């Protein structure tokens, strides 16, 4: 389905689960699309609303993509659906956008869940040495950041399943599912969505700090995640007014169906 945003862009969205259930907005990983969602068995009693972020699927790319811009679009969509209060769950690359919702309109949220979240490196100070210098350059020199991420994202337009095939073949992410349909849909506009994501999360400043997320927050990470999710989790939670950390012991980056169910139950029980 399509929703017309106030700036004349389109937001693609979909709905799953129980139409009469507790409303939760789910934000897909990077890359992905509105077709990404937790296991259907976890959706009992949940009205799950998913969206294509700018440039993915049916959503118009943003001229200047930002985390808070996506939060504003989610706020407008839920208002149009007559939903006053709802939960937000962000997985992996979708987690920063979930946190942005918590900073933008905490009073409307029953809670925020971040799963597999790599925290803001500027705030956490987790980038050092040569990587810090490189990051400074792409974020500071005008135009360099966009050129850099456009080149880095080119593979997604050429072969949208390349990264996902490699992750499945590695066997390191215990609960990862085949995501062919979602990743192909995400690449409907080439690599525009991936470029918009990286600009918003890695190149541009977020426009808020973790202390601004003034609603209850659950920071989930899989024990065997090969990225920074586990070491970042306590650093993130310590900077939020009302946050807790939960570690999935038998998982890597992707939550198990039981973990998804636990997170969805948590985010709707305010």
Protein backbone atom coordinates (compact mmCIF):
# COMPACT_ATOMS: atom_id res chain seq x y z
CA UNK A 1 0.00 0.00 0.00
CA UNK A 2 1.04 3.60 -0.57
CA UNK A 3 0.75 6.56 1.79
CA UNK A 4 1.15 10.13 0.51
CA UNK A 5 3.52 12.09 2.76
CA UNK A 6 3.12 15.84 3.34
CA UNK A 7 6.13 16.60 1.08
CA UNK A 8 4.50 14.70 -1.83
CA UNK A 9 6.75 11.66 -1.47
CA UNK A 10 5.27 8.16 -1.16
CA UNK A 11 5.73 5.79 1.78
CA UNK A 12 5.23 2.12 0.94
CA UNK A 13 3.78 0.07 3.79
CA UNK A 14 2.13 -3.25 4.61
CA UNK A 15 0.22 -4.84 7.45
CA UNK A 16 0.44 -8.34 8.95
CA UNK A 17 -0.87 -10.28 11.93
CA UNK A 18 -4.10 -9.48 13.79
CA UNK A 19 -5.96 -6.35 12.52
CA UNK A 20 -7.48 -5.97 16.00
CA UNK A 21 -4.19 -6.59 17.80
CA UNK A 22 -1.79 -4.27 19.60
CA UNK A 23 -0.14 -2.01 16.97
CA UNK A 24 3.60 -2.30 16.39
CA UNK A 25 5.69 -0.66 13.66
CA UNK A 26 8.50 -2.91 12.45
CA UNK A 27 11.58 -1.42 10.77
CA UNK A 28 13.49 -3.81 8.51
CA UNK A 29 17.23 -4.34 8.38
CA UNK A 30 19.67 -2.98 5.80
CA UNK A 31 18.94 -3.70 3.01
CA UNK A 32 15.34 -4.90 2.97
CA UNK A 33 11.76 -3.79 2.48
CA UNK A 34 8.28 -3.74 3.97
CA UNK A 35 8.08 -7.48 3.19
CA UNK A 36 10.60 -8.19 6.00
CA UNK A 37 9.00 -9.15 9.30
CA UNK A 38 9.36 -11.49 12.28
CA UNK A 39 8.18 -15.08 12.01
CA UNK A 40 4.38 -15.21 11.56
CA UNK A 41 4.13 -17.42 14.65
CA UNK A 42 5.31 -14.46 16.75
CA UNK A 43 2.49 -12.19 15.59
CA UNK A 44 -0.43 -13.54 17.65
CA UNK A 45 -2.32 -10.56 19.04
CA UNK A 46 -0.07 -8.11 17.13
CA UNK A 47 -1.08 -5.71 14.38
CA UNK A 48 2.29 -5.38 12.64
CA UNK A 49 2.84 -2.40 10.34
CA UNK A 50 5.94 -2.45 8.15
CA UNK A 51 7.33 0.31 5.94
CA UNK A 52 9.78 0.77 3.09
CA UNK A 53 12.35 3.34 4.13
CA UNK A 54 13.19 6.03 1.53
CA UNK A 55 14.47 4.51 -1.71
CA UNK A 56 13.45 0.94 -0.86
CA UNK A 57 10.50 -0.82 -2.47
CA UNK A 58 7.66 1.64 -3.13
CA UNK A 59 9.00 4.55 -1.05
CA UNK A 60 10.31 7.67 -2.78
CA UNK A 61 14.00 8.37 -2.07
CA UNK A 62 14.66 11.35 0.18
CA UNK A 63 16.72 14.26 -1.15
CA UNK A 64 18.37 14.54 2.26
CA UNK A 65 17.68 11.29 4.19
CA UNK A 66 17.64 11.49 7.99
CA UNK A 67 16.60 9.28 10.87
CA UNK A 68 14.15 11.87 12.17
CA UNK A 69 12.66 12.27 8.70
CA UNK A 70 11.71 8.57 8.71
CA UNK A 71 10.34 8.95 12.25
CA UNK A 72 8.14 11.83 11.04
CA UNK A 73 6.84 9.66 8.18
CA UNK A 74 5.96 6.88 10.63
CA UNK A 75 4.21 9.40 12.87
CA UNK A 76 2.15 10.66 9.92
CA UNK A 77 1.25 7.13 8.74
CA UNK A 78 0.11 5.94 12.17
CA UNK A 79 -1.93 9.11 12.69
CA UNK A 80 -3.67 8.53 9.35
CA UNK A 81 -4.53 4.98 10.50
CA UNK A 82 -6.07 6.32 13.70
CA UNK A 83 -3.35 4.81 15.87
CA UNK A 84 -2.49 7.04 18.81
CA UNK A 85 -0.10 4.77 20.76
CA UNK A 86 2.04 1.96 19.39
CA UNK A 87 5.29 0.08 19.82
CA UNK A 88 8.32 0.29 17.53
CA UNK A 89 10.75 -2.54 16.81
CA UNK A 90 13.85 -1.93 14.71
CA UNK A 91 16.08 -4.76 13.52
CA UNK A 92 19.76 -4.21 12.65
CA UNK A 93 19.90 -1.23 10.24
CA UNK A 94 16.32 -0.41 11.24
CA UNK A 95 17.27 0.03 14.90
CA UNK A 96 18.54 3.64 14.61
CA UNK A 97 15.19 4.62 13.09
CA UNK A 98 13.32 2.98 15.98
CA UNK A 99 15.44 5.00 18.41
CA UNK A 100 14.67 8.14 16.37
CA UNK A 101 10.94 7.49 16.94
CA UNK A 102 11.68 7.29 20.67
CA UNK A 103 13.38 10.68 20.51
CA UNK A 104 10.76 12.32 18.26
CA UNK A 105 7.48 11.27 19.92
CA UNK A 106 8.13 9.20 23.09
CA UNK A 107 4.67 10.08 24.46
CA UNK A 108 3.04 8.09 21.64
CA UNK A 109 5.04 4.90 22.20
CA UNK A 110 4.35 1.88 24.38
CA UNK A 111 8.05 1.10 23.98
CA UNK A 112 10.99 0.77 21.62
CA UNK A 113 12.94 -2.41 20.90
CA UNK A 114 16.28 -2.41 19.11
CA UNK A 115 17.56 -5.80 17.92
CA UNK A 116 21.13 -6.23 16.66
CA UNK A 117 21.80 -2.50 17.14
CA UNK A 118 25.21 -0.99 16.38
CA UNK A 119 25.15 2.24 18.40
CA UNK A 120 26.03 5.76 17.23
CA UNK A 121 29.83 5.73 16.93
CA UNK A 122 30.09 9.49 17.45
CA UNK A 123 28.35 9.29 20.80
CA UNK A 124 29.82 5.99 22.00
CA UNK A 125 33.36 6.73 20.81
CA UNK A 126 33.72 3.27 19.29
CA UNK A 127 35.62 4.33 16.15
CA UNK A 128 39.36 4.81 16.65
CA UNK A 129 42.68 5.04 14.82
CA UNK A 130 42.78 4.99 11.02
CA UNK A 131 39.06 4.16 10.84
CA UNK A 132 38.31 7.32 12.81
CA UNK A 133 40.29 9.44 10.35
CA UNK A 134 38.57 7.80 7.39
CA UNK A 135 35.18 8.33 9.00
CA UNK A 136 35.96 11.98 9.67
CA UNK A 137 36.89 12.49 6.01
CA UNK A 138 33.75 10.94 4.49
CA UNK A 139 31.52 12.76 6.99
CA UNK A 140 33.17 16.17 6.72
CA UNK A 141 34.41 16.75 3.15
CA UNK A 142 31.41 18.05 1.13
CA UNK A 143 30.03 15.45 -1.27
CA UNK A 144 32.54 12.75 -0.33
CA UNK A 145 30.14 10.80 1.85
CA UNK A 146 27.49 10.48 -0.85
CA UNK A 147 30.08 9.46 -3.47
CA UNK A 148 31.55 6.91 -1.07
CA UNK A 149 28.26 5.21 -0.14
CA UNK A 150 26.98 5.31 -3.73
CA UNK A 151 30.00 3.31 -4.88
CA UNK A 152 29.80 0.98 -1.88
CA UNK A 153 26.09 0.27 -2.48
CA UNK A 154 26.35 -0.44 -6.22
CA UNK A 155 26.32 -4.21 -5.68
CA UNK A 156 22.72 -4.07 -4.43
CA UNK A 157 21.40 -2.80 -7.76
CA UNK A 158 23.46 -5.39 -9.68
CA UNK A 159 22.68 -8.43 -7.49
CA UNK A 160 20.25 -7.73 -4.62
CA UNK A 161 20.71 -11.23 -3.15
CA UNK A 162 24.53 -11.23 -3.11
CA UNK A 163 24.97 -10.29 0.56
CA UNK A 164 22.13 -12.49 1.74
CA UNK A 165 23.46 -15.54 -0.11
CA UNK A 166 26.82 -15.04 1.56
CA UNK A 167 25.25 -14.77 5.02
CA UNK A 168 23.19 -17.92 4.48
CA UNK A 169 26.21 -19.81 3.14
CA UNK A 170 28.39 -18.84 6.10
CA UNK A 171 26.07 -20.61 8.54
CA UNK A 172 27.08 -18.18 11.29
CA UNK A 173 23.68 -16.55 11.80
CA UNK A 174 21.62 -19.30 13.41
CA UNK A 175 18.09 -18.04 12.72
CA UNK A 176 18.54 -16.13 9.46
CA UNK A 177 15.79 -16.87 6.94
CA UNK A 178 15.77 -16.76 3.16
CA UNK A 179 14.88 -13.18 2.28
CA UNK A 180 14.76 -13.29 -1.52
CA UNK A 181 11.38 -11.60 -1.92
CA UNK A 182 12.15 -8.80 0.54
CA UNK A 183 15.61 -8.03 -0.85
CA UNK A 184 14.44 -8.08 -4.45
CA UNK A 185 11.59 -5.73 -3.57
CA UNK A 186 13.99 -3.49 -1.67
CA UNK A 187 16.05 -3.12 -4.85
CA UNK A 188 13.05 -2.09 -6.96
CA UNK A 189 14.72 1.34 -7.34
CA UNK A 190 18.25 0.00 -7.58
CA UNK A 191 20.57 0.88 -4.72
CA UNK A 192 18.69 4.08 -3.74
CA UNK A 193 17.44 2.64 -0.45
CA UNK A 194 20.83 1.38 0.65
CA UNK A 195 22.42 4.72 -0.20
CA UNK A 196 19.71 6.60 1.73
CA UNK A 197 20.18 4.27 4.73
CA UNK A 198 23.95 4.72 4.90
CA UNK A 199 23.71 8.48 4.48
CA UNK A 200 21.21 8.74 7.34
CA UNK A 201 22.88 6.34 9.76
CA UNK A 202 26.61 6.64 9.03
CA UNK A 203 27.35 9.92 7.27
CA UNK A 204 24.96 12.50 8.68
CA UNK A 205 24.56 13.42 12.33
CA UNK A 206 21.53 11.81 13.91
CA UNK A 207 19.99 15.04 15.18
CA UNK A 208 19.43 13.70 18.70
CA UNK A 209 21.31 11.89 21.46
CA UNK A 210 20.49 8.63 23.19
CA UNK A 211 19.46 10.54 26.32
CA UNK A 212 16.61 12.05 24.26
CA UNK A 213 14.90 8.65 23.93
CA UNK A 214 12.50 9.21 26.82
CA UNK A 215 10.42 6.05 26.62
CA UNK A 216 11.01 2.52 27.83
CA UNK A 217 13.54 0.79 25.60
CA UNK A 218 14.76 -2.79 25.26
CA UNK A 219 18.20 -3.26 23.72
CA UNK A 220 18.41 -6.85 22.44
CA UNK A 221 21.52 -8.56 21.07
CA UNK A 222 22.39 -12.12 20.13
CA UNK A 223 25.30 -13.53 22.13
CA UNK A 224 27.11 -14.78 19.01
CA UNK A 225 26.63 -11.66 16.89
CA UNK A 226 29.90 -11.05 15.06
CA UNK A 227 29.38 -7.28 15.00
CA UNK A 228 29.29 -4.67 17.76
CA UNK A 229 25.74 -5.37 19.00
CA UNK A 230 26.77 -7.15 22.21
CA UNK A 231 29.54 -4.75 23.39
CA UNK A 232 27.46 -1.73 22.34
CA UNK A 233 24.29 -2.83 24.16
CA UNK A 234 25.28 -1.77 27.72
CA UNK A 235 26.87 1.46 26.41
CA UNK A 236 23.61 2.35 24.66
CA UNK A 237 21.39 1.46 27.61
CA UNK A 238 23.54 3.44 30.05
CA UNK A 239 22.89 6.61 28.05
CA UNK A 240 19.11 6.21 27.90
CA UNK A 241 16.74 7.29 30.71
CA UNK A 242 14.77 4.01 30.80
CA UNK A 243 16.51 1.13 29.04
CA UNK A 244 17.36 -2.49 29.72
CA UNK A 245 19.59 -5.00 27.95
CA UNK A 246 18.59 -8.51 27.00
CA UNK A 247 20.98 -11.05 25.44
CA UNK A 248 19.76 -13.97 23.35
CA UNK A 249 22.04 -16.82 24.35
CA UNK A 250 21.46 -19.19 21.41
CA UNK A 251 21.42 -16.58 18.65
CA UNK A 252 23.76 -14.53 16.50
CA UNK A 253 22.55 -11.42 14.64
CA UNK A 254 19.01 -12.60 13.87
CA UNK A 255 16.56 -13.26 16.75
CA UNK A 256 14.88 -16.64 17.02
CA UNK A 257 11.06 -16.90 16.70
CA UNK A 258 10.90 -17.14 20.50
CA UNK A 259 13.01 -13.99 20.84
CA UNK A 260 10.75 -12.12 18.43
CA UNK A 261 7.70 -13.19 20.39
CA UNK A 262 9.31 -12.06 23.64
CA UNK A 263 10.22 -8.66 22.17
CA UNK A 264 6.77 -8.10 20.70
CA UNK A 265 5.16 -8.99 24.00
CA UNK A 266 7.50 -6.63 25.85
CA UNK A 267 6.93 -3.67 23.52
CA UNK A 268 3.13 -3.87 23.78
CA UNK A 269 2.94 -4.28 27.57
CA UNK A 270 3.39 -0.69 28.71
